[in-house]
Amino acid sequence: MTSFPSDTFDNAVPDGVVSFLRDTGLVPPGVAPRFTALTGGVASDIWKVEAGDRTFAVKRALQKLRVARDWQVPVTRNVSEVDWLRTAAKVVPDAVPRVLAHDAEIGAFAMTYLDPAHHPVWKAELAAGRADPAFAARVGDTVAAIHAATAHSDALAKQFANDALFHAIRLEPYLEATAPAHPDIADALMRLSRETLAMKVALVHGDVSPKNILVGPCGPVLLDAECAWYGDPAFDLAFCLNHLLLKCLWAPRARDGFLACFDALAAAYLARVTWEPIVDLERRAARLLPALFLARVDGKSPVEYITDENDKARVRRIAVPLIGSPPSRLSDVREVWAKAFSSEVDTGLREENASR
């Protein structure tokens, strides 16, 4: 596979990636690197690279994403991700990995490798029922700090003018692809997509999800900014809060903890909003939230842990009315969600305990 026969690969690594690492000096002459495939999600290949006494990570964007439905996105998003990481590092240096080298032509970059032993993935922590509201608050604070530092910047708006990319990788597969399954709210979803794309306020990560957040010794570390876009910061807030609600279905015993994390993250984030009226941002986030959790069962990228049809039906029963009559506060969505699931989850737990 490679022109360096002594190199060791745990899976197929393109020649261009190996050449890039050698050309930048990350892999010195005479050193045989070892590549170990890491979990790259649906959008990228990621490897841990060991070269002599140096260990780092390499990420390469994919043109066709690994989902059931056809979903293709330009690999130029790799450039935006690197630019986002470098911009965020100026604001919250401990909250992002350091970029070591970048090759825009092949859509790959190298960054510091963060050992899972000291940087577990937040999603794994939540899956195990370890819901820490204090950590969730730090996530909200970190994301808000980036938004605050980048708000109303003409230079960043020009640098991250990624409307087409954000539409292709977020708004179309989530909001717009969900619309055909729900004709009664299709217009509302399409309008929400257009209005979100039109907002130009701050630098948006676009994928603030527990799977892209590490629980580091100095606080949260944000990864995978492939969707970076200068637009509506409410999207980042709603996107992350959405996952905390959905986790109630994945690990129902930790439901109260997930809701506490929801409250803590939202409160910490909103406390730092200075770039616009808080009520305006919260209203946009509250409108996005039910559309996003509906998209995770009926859009192009369904969340992998909601497979039970009854759970999908529950999500639809909650989301559709909220999209039809949009709420103005995040707490409105949270309370509807909590009430809808509390009796059903409690009944399920009672039945489970009775069968033991």
Protein backbone atom coordinates (compact mmCIF):
# COMPACT_ATOMS: atom_id res chain seq x y z
CA MET A 1 0.00 0.00 0.00
CA THR A 2 2.88 2.33 0.68
CA SER A 3 6.23 3.14 -0.87
CA PHE A 4 7.87 2.63 2.52
CA PRO A 5 7.87 -1.17 2.93
CA SER A 6 9.18 -1.04 6.50
CA ASP A 7 6.22 1.03 7.74
CA THR A 8 3.64 -0.81 9.84
CA PHE A 9 -0.10 -0.35 9.34
CA ASP A 10 -3.07 -1.71 11.27
CA ASN A 11 -5.27 -0.78 8.30
CA ALA A 12 -4.82 0.74 4.86
CA VAL A 13 -3.18 4.16 5.04
CA PRO A 14 -3.00 6.18 1.81
CA ASP A 15 0.45 6.86 0.40
CA GLY A 16 -0.23 10.59 0.53
CA VAL A 17 -0.64 10.55 4.29
CA VAL A 18 2.68 8.77 4.80
CA SER A 19 4.45 11.18 2.43
CA PHE A 20 2.91 14.17 4.22
CA LEU A 21 4.22 12.99 7.58
CA ARG A 22 7.70 12.37 6.22
CA ASP A 23 7.79 15.69 4.34
CA THR A 24 6.86 17.62 7.48
CA GLY A 25 9.44 15.81 9.59
CA LEU A 26 6.89 14.25 11.91
CA VAL A 27 8.26 10.90 10.78
CA PRO A 28 12.06 11.27 10.60
CA PRO A 29 14.17 9.52 7.95
CA GLY A 30 14.92 5.93 8.81
CA VAL A 31 12.04 5.67 11.28
CA ALA A 32 9.30 3.14 10.54
CA PRO A 33 5.97 4.59 11.77
CA ARG A 34 3.21 2.46 13.18
CA PHE A 35 -0.38 3.43 12.35
CA THR A 36 -3.26 2.29 14.55
CA ALA A 37 -6.78 3.05 13.37
CA LEU A 38 -8.90 5.01 15.84
CA THR A 39 -12.63 5.55 15.84
CA GLY A 40 -13.19 8.21 13.21
CA GLY A 41 -16.95 8.37 13.20
CA VAL A 42 -18.74 8.64 9.89
CA ALA A 43 -16.76 11.48 8.34
CA SER A 44 -13.04 10.75 8.68
CA ASP A 45 -10.22 8.29 9.02
CA ILE A 46 -8.13 8.82 12.15
CA TRP A 47 -4.91 7.10 13.12
CA LYS A 48 -2.64 7.07 16.12
CA VAL A 49 0.91 7.30 14.79
CA GLU A 50 3.96 6.10 16.68
CA ALA A 51 7.25 7.20 15.15
CA GLY A 52 10.32 6.69 17.29
CA ASP A 53 9.75 8.50 20.58
CA ARG A 54 6.92 10.60 19.15
CA THR A 55 3.19 9.78 19.25
CA PHE A 56 0.55 11.91 17.56
CA ALA A 57 -2.73 11.60 15.68
CA VAL A 58 -3.59 12.08 12.01
CA LYS A 59 -7.03 12.83 10.64
CA ARG A 60 -8.10 12.58 7.01
CA ALA A 61 -11.53 13.70 5.78
CA LEU A 62 -13.71 11.35 3.70
CA GLN A 63 -15.64 12.45 0.64
CA LYS A 64 -18.50 9.96 1.22
CA LEU A 65 -19.64 9.64 4.80
CA ARG A 66 -20.20 6.25 6.42
CA VAL A 67 -23.99 6.27 6.70
CA ALA A 68 -26.71 4.20 5.04
CA ARG A 69 -28.03 7.04 2.89
CA ASP A 70 -25.87 8.76 0.26
CA TRP A 71 -24.14 11.67 1.99
CA GLN A 72 -21.16 13.27 0.26
CA VAL A 73 -19.32 16.33 1.55
CA PRO A 74 -16.26 18.19 0.16
CA VAL A 75 -13.00 17.29 1.91
CA THR A 76 -12.17 21.01 1.96
CA ARG A 77 -13.86 20.99 5.36
CA ASN A 78 -10.50 19.77 6.64
CA VAL A 79 -9.10 23.27 6.10
CA SER A 80 -11.93 24.81 8.12
CA GLU A 81 -11.37 22.33 10.94
CA VAL A 82 -7.71 23.23 11.21
CA ASP A 83 -8.55 26.93 11.11
CA TRP A 84 -11.18 26.44 13.84
CA LEU A 85 -8.71 24.56 16.07
CA ARG A 86 -6.11 27.30 15.68
CA THR A 87 -8.66 30.04 16.33
CA ALA A 88 -10.12 28.30 19.39
CA ALA A 89 -6.62 27.68 20.77
CA LYS A 90 -6.17 31.44 21.11
CA VAL A 91 -9.26 31.58 23.33
CA VAL A 92 -9.22 28.28 25.25
CA PRO A 93 -5.78 26.71 24.68
CA ASP A 94 -6.38 23.77 27.02
CA ALA A 95 -9.68 22.90 25.34
CA VAL A 96 -8.39 21.83 21.90
CA PRO A 97 -5.61 19.59 20.58
CA ARG A 98 -2.63 21.38 19.03
CA VAL A 99 -2.29 21.23 15.24
CA LEU A 100 1.19 19.93 14.32
CA ALA A 101 1.01 19.99 10.51
CA HIS A 102 -1.56 20.27 7.75
CA ASP A 103 -1.82 19.29 4.08
CA ALA A 104 -4.91 20.83 2.50
CA GLU A 105 -4.36 19.03 -0.80
CA ILE A 106 -4.87 15.57 0.66
CA GLY A 107 -7.31 16.75 3.34
CA ALA A 108 -5.22 15.59 6.30
CA PHE A 109 -3.64 17.10 9.38
CA ALA A 110 -1.61 15.93 12.36
CA MET A 111 -2.38 16.92 15.95
CA THR A 112 -1.42 16.04 19.47
CA TYR A 113 -2.54 12.60 20.62
CA LEU A 114 -4.49 12.62 23.86
CA ASP A 115 -4.26 9.33 25.73
CA PRO A 116 -7.73 7.90 26.52
CA ALA A 117 -6.44 6.87 29.93
CA HIS A 118 -6.30 10.54 30.86
CA HIS A 119 -8.83 11.91 28.36
CA PRO A 120 -11.86 9.59 28.25
CA VAL A 121 -14.59 10.41 25.76
CA TRP A 122 -17.54 12.14 27.39
CA LYS A 123 -19.96 9.93 25.49
CA ALA A 124 -18.45 6.83 27.10
CA GLU A 125 -18.75 8.44 30.53
CA LEU A 126 -22.41 9.23 29.92
CA ALA A 127 -23.08 5.72 28.57
CA ALA A 128 -21.76 4.34 31.85
CA GLY A 129 -24.20 6.56 33.72
CA ARG A 130 -21.53 8.95 34.98
CA ALA A 131 -23.38 12.23 34.52
CA ASP A 132 -21.42 15.11 36.03
CA PRO A 133 -23.26 18.46 35.95
CA ALA A 134 -20.07 20.32 36.91
CA PHE A 135 -18.32 19.01 33.82
CA ALA A 136 -21.35 19.80 31.66
CA ALA A 137 -21.21 23.36 32.96
CA ARG A 138 -17.57 23.60 31.89
CA VAL A 139 -18.56 22.46 28.41
CA GLY A 140 -21.16 25.21 28.23
CA ASP A 141 -18.68 27.77 29.54
CA THR A 142 -16.00 26.71 27.04
CA VAL A 143 -18.29 26.83 24.01
CA ALA A 144 -19.66 30.21 25.08
CA ALA A 145 -16.13 31.57 25.53
CA ILE A 146 -15.32 30.73 21.91
CA HIS A 147 -18.55 32.30 20.71
CA ALA A 148 -17.96 35.44 22.78
CA ALA A 149 -14.40 35.89 21.51
CA THR A 150 -15.41 35.48 17.85
CA ALA A 151 -18.72 37.32 17.76
CA HIS A 152 -19.22 40.11 15.23
CA SER A 153 -15.83 39.62 13.55
CA ASP A 154 -15.77 40.59 9.90
CA ALA A 155 -12.42 38.84 9.43
CA LEU A 156 -13.66 35.53 10.85
CA ALA A 157 -16.95 35.82 9.00
CA LYS A 158 -14.93 36.01 5.77
CA GLN A 159 -12.52 33.22 6.76
CA PHE A 160 -15.31 30.83 7.75
CA ALA A 161 -17.85 31.74 5.07
CA ASN A 162 -18.81 28.07 4.80
CA ASP A 163 -22.53 28.29 4.09
CA ALA A 164 -22.47 25.60 1.40
CA LEU A 165 -20.48 23.22 3.59
CA PHE A 166 -22.61 23.78 6.69
CA HIS A 167 -25.76 23.30 4.67
CA ALA A 168 -24.41 20.07 3.16
CA ILE A 169 -23.15 18.53 6.38
CA ARG A 170 -25.65 19.83 8.93
CA LEU A 171 -28.81 21.57 7.75
CA GLU A 172 -29.67 19.39 4.75
CA PRO A 173 -29.04 15.95 6.34
CA TYR A 174 -30.62 16.91 9.66
CA LEU A 175 -33.45 19.39 9.17
CA GLU A 176 -34.24 19.18 5.48
CA ALA A 177 -33.90 15.41 5.11
CA THR A 178 -36.34 15.00 8.01
CA ALA A 179 -39.03 17.15 6.39
CA PRO A 180 -40.39 14.56 3.88
CA ALA A 181 -41.18 12.15 6.73
CA HIS A 182 -43.35 14.79 8.42
CA PRO A 183 -45.46 16.71 5.87
CA ASP A 184 -47.37 18.63 8.56
CA ILE A 185 -44.19 20.34 9.79
CA ALA A 186 -42.13 20.16 6.60
CA ASP A 187 -42.47 23.88 5.92
CA ALA A 188 -41.44 24.68 9.48
CA LEU A 189 -38.31 22.53 9.19
CA MET A 190 -37.33 24.05 5.85
CA ARG A 191 -37.91 27.55 7.20
CA LEU A 192 -35.80 26.76 10.27
CA SER A 193 -33.00 25.59 8.01
CA ARG A 194 -33.08 28.79 5.96
CA GLU A 195 -33.26 31.06 9.00
CA THR A 196 -30.39 29.26 10.73
CA LEU A 197 -28.19 29.56 7.66
CA ALA A 198 -28.93 33.28 7.44
CA MET A 199 -27.66 34.07 10.97
CA LYS A 200 -24.10 35.45 11.01
CA VAL A 201 -23.08 36.03 14.61
CA ALA A 202 -20.05 33.99 15.75
CA LEU A 203 -17.72 31.10 14.95
CA VAL A 204 -19.64 27.83 15.24
CA HIS A 205 -18.07 24.40 15.84
CA GLY A 206 -21.07 22.59 14.36
CA ASP A 207 -20.63 19.20 16.06
CA VAL A 208 -20.52 19.83 19.80
CA SER A 209 -21.45 16.28 20.73
CA PRO A 210 -20.32 14.12 23.68
CA LYS A 211 -18.53 11.85 21.20
CA ASN A 212 -16.34 14.84 20.25
CA ILE A 213 -15.59 15.99 23.79
CA LEU A 214 -12.86 14.53 25.96
CA VAL A 215 -12.94 14.69 29.75
CA GLY A 216 -9.46 16.07 30.26
CA PRO A 217 -7.58 16.80 33.49
CA CYS A 218 -7.88 20.52 32.75
CA GLY A 219 -11.51 20.33 31.60
CA PRO A 220 -13.26 19.57 28.32
CA VAL A 221 -11.31 19.15 25.08
CA LEU A 222 -13.26 19.73 21.86
CA LEU A 223 -12.53 17.67 18.75
CA ASP A 224 -13.88 17.29 15.20
CA ALA A 225 -14.67 20.80 14.04
CA GLU A 226 -15.31 19.67 10.46
CA CYS A 227 -18.55 21.66 10.35
CA ALA A 228 -16.89 24.95 11.35
CA TRP A 229 -18.92 27.87 10.06
CA TYR A 230 -19.46 31.53 10.86
CA GLY A 231 -23.10 31.60 11.73
CA ASP A 232 -25.57 30.98 14.53
CA PRO A 233 -24.02 30.09 17.92
CA ALA A 234 -27.43 28.81 19.05
CA PHE A 235 -26.77 25.77 16.85
CA ASP A 236 -23.82 24.62 18.99
CA LEU A 237 -25.83 25.02 22.18
CA ALA A 238 -28.87 23.16 20.86
CA PHE A 239 -26.76 20.44 19.24
CA CYS A 240 -25.06 19.49 22.51
CA LEU A 241 -28.20 19.78 24.65
CA ASN A 242 -29.95 17.49 22.18
CA HIS A 243 -27.52 14.69 22.98
CA LEU A 244 -28.10 15.04 26.71
CA LEU A 245 -31.83 14.54 26.15
CA LEU A 246 -31.34 11.57 23.84
CA LYS A 247 -29.05 9.88 26.38
CA CYS A 248 -32.14 9.48 28.60
CA LEU A 249 -33.22 6.77 26.16
CA TRP A 250 -29.81 5.12 26.06
CA ALA A 251 -29.22 4.89 29.81
CA PRO A 252 -32.59 5.53 31.49
CA ARG A 253 -31.29 4.86 34.99
CA ALA A 254 -29.13 7.98 34.68
CA ARG A 255 -32.00 10.10 33.36
CA ASP A 256 -32.00 12.55 36.28
CA GLY A 257 -28.25 13.02 35.92
CA PHE A 258 -28.55 13.75 32.21
CA LEU A 259 -31.26 16.31 32.86
CA ALA A 260 -29.08 17.90 35.54
CA CYS A 261 -26.28 18.09 32.97
CA PHE A 262 -28.71 19.71 30.53
CA ASP A 263 -29.60 22.36 33.12
CA ALA A 264 -25.98 22.99 34.08
CA LEU A 265 -24.70 23.29 30.52
CA ALA A 266 -27.52 25.60 29.45
CA ALA A 267 -27.14 27.83 32.51
CA ALA A 268 -23.36 28.11 32.20
CA TYR A 269 -23.58 28.92 28.50
CA LEU A 270 -26.36 31.50 28.81
CA ALA A 271 -24.54 33.20 31.70
CA ARG A 272 -21.73 34.10 29.30
CA VAL A 273 -23.86 35.46 26.46
CA THR A 274 -22.91 39.12 26.05
CA TRP A 275 -22.77 39.47 22.29
CA GLU A 276 -26.56 39.64 21.80
CA PRO A 277 -29.72 39.61 23.94
CA ILE A 278 -29.90 36.30 25.81
CA VAL A 279 -33.60 35.90 25.05
CA ASP A 280 -32.92 36.03 21.31
CA LEU A 281 -30.24 33.37 21.36
CA GLU A 282 -32.21 31.12 23.71
CA ARG A 283 -35.29 31.39 21.50
CA ARG A 284 -33.32 30.22 18.47
CA ALA A 285 -31.76 27.34 20.43
CA ALA A 286 -35.16 26.28 21.78
CA ARG A 287 -36.60 26.19 18.25
CA LEU A 288 -33.68 24.12 16.97
CA LEU A 289 -33.67 21.61 19.80
CA PRO A 290 -36.82 19.56 18.98
CA ALA A 291 -35.95 19.65 15.28
CA LEU A 292 -32.54 18.19 16.05
CA PHE A 293 -33.78 15.32 18.20
CA LEU A 294 -36.38 14.48 15.56
CA ALA A 295 -33.59 14.49 12.97
CA ARG A 296 -31.68 11.89 14.95
CA VAL A 297 -34.42 9.35 14.29
CA ASP A 298 -35.71 10.46 10.86
CA GLY A 299 -32.79 12.31 9.22
CA LYS A 300 -29.75 11.08 7.31
CA SER A 301 -27.70 10.48 10.46
CA PRO A 302 -29.87 8.59 12.97
CA VAL A 303 -28.26 8.15 16.36
CA GLU A 304 -27.03 4.57 16.63
CA TYR A 305 -28.36 3.77 20.10
CA ILE A 306 -32.02 4.52 19.41
CA THR A 307 -33.15 1.41 17.55
CA ASP A 308 -36.36 0.52 19.35
CA GLU A 309 -39.39 1.64 17.35
CA ASN A 310 -41.24 2.60 20.52
CA ASP A 311 -38.42 4.96 21.47
CA LYS A 312 -38.44 6.51 18.00
CA ALA A 313 -42.19 6.99 18.26
CA ARG A 314 -41.75 8.71 21.63
CA VAL A 315 -39.24 11.14 20.14
CA ARG A 316 -41.66 11.96 17.33
CA ARG A 317 -44.55 12.49 19.75
CA ILE A 318 -42.52 15.04 21.67
CA ALA A 319 -40.79 16.77 18.76
CA VAL A 320 -43.56 17.31 16.24
CA PRO A 321 -45.83 19.49 18.43
CA LEU A 322 -42.84 21.54 19.61
CA ILE A 323 -41.77 22.18 16.02
CA GLY A 324 -45.31 23.12 15.06
CA SER A 325 -45.61 25.52 18.02
CA PRO A 326 -42.03 26.61 18.73
CA PRO A 327 -41.02 27.18 22.37
CA SER A 328 -39.11 30.28 23.41
CA ARG A 329 -37.06 28.81 26.28
CA LEU A 330 -34.87 25.76 26.60
CA SER A 331 -36.54 24.88 29.88
CA ASP A 332 -39.83 24.55 28.00
CA VAL A 333 -38.36 21.77 25.85
CA ARG A 334 -36.63 20.15 28.79
CA GLU A 335 -39.82 19.98 30.84
CA VAL A 336 -41.90 18.51 28.02
CA TRP A 337 -39.19 15.88 27.46
CA ALA A 338 -38.88 15.03 31.15
CA LYS A 339 -42.63 14.68 31.67
CA ALA A 340 -43.10 12.57 28.56
CA PHE A 341 -40.42 10.10 29.53
CA SER A 342 -40.62 9.97 33.30
CA SER A 343 -43.74 7.81 33.62
CA GLU A 344 -42.74 5.51 30.73
CA VAL A 345 -39.17 5.04 31.97
CA ASP A 346 -40.27 4.53 35.57
CA THR A 347 -42.77 1.91 34.45
CA GLY A 348 -40.05 0.12 32.49
CA LEU A 349 -37.68 0.12 35.45
CA ARG A 350 -40.39 -1.24 37.75
CA GLU A 351 -41.11 -4.05 35.32
CA GLU A 352 -37.39 -4.79 35.01
CA ASN A 353 -36.94 -4.93 38.79
CA ALA A 354 -40.05 -7.13 39.20
CA SER A 355 -38.64 -9.69 36.75
CA ARG A 356 -35.45 -10.13 38.74
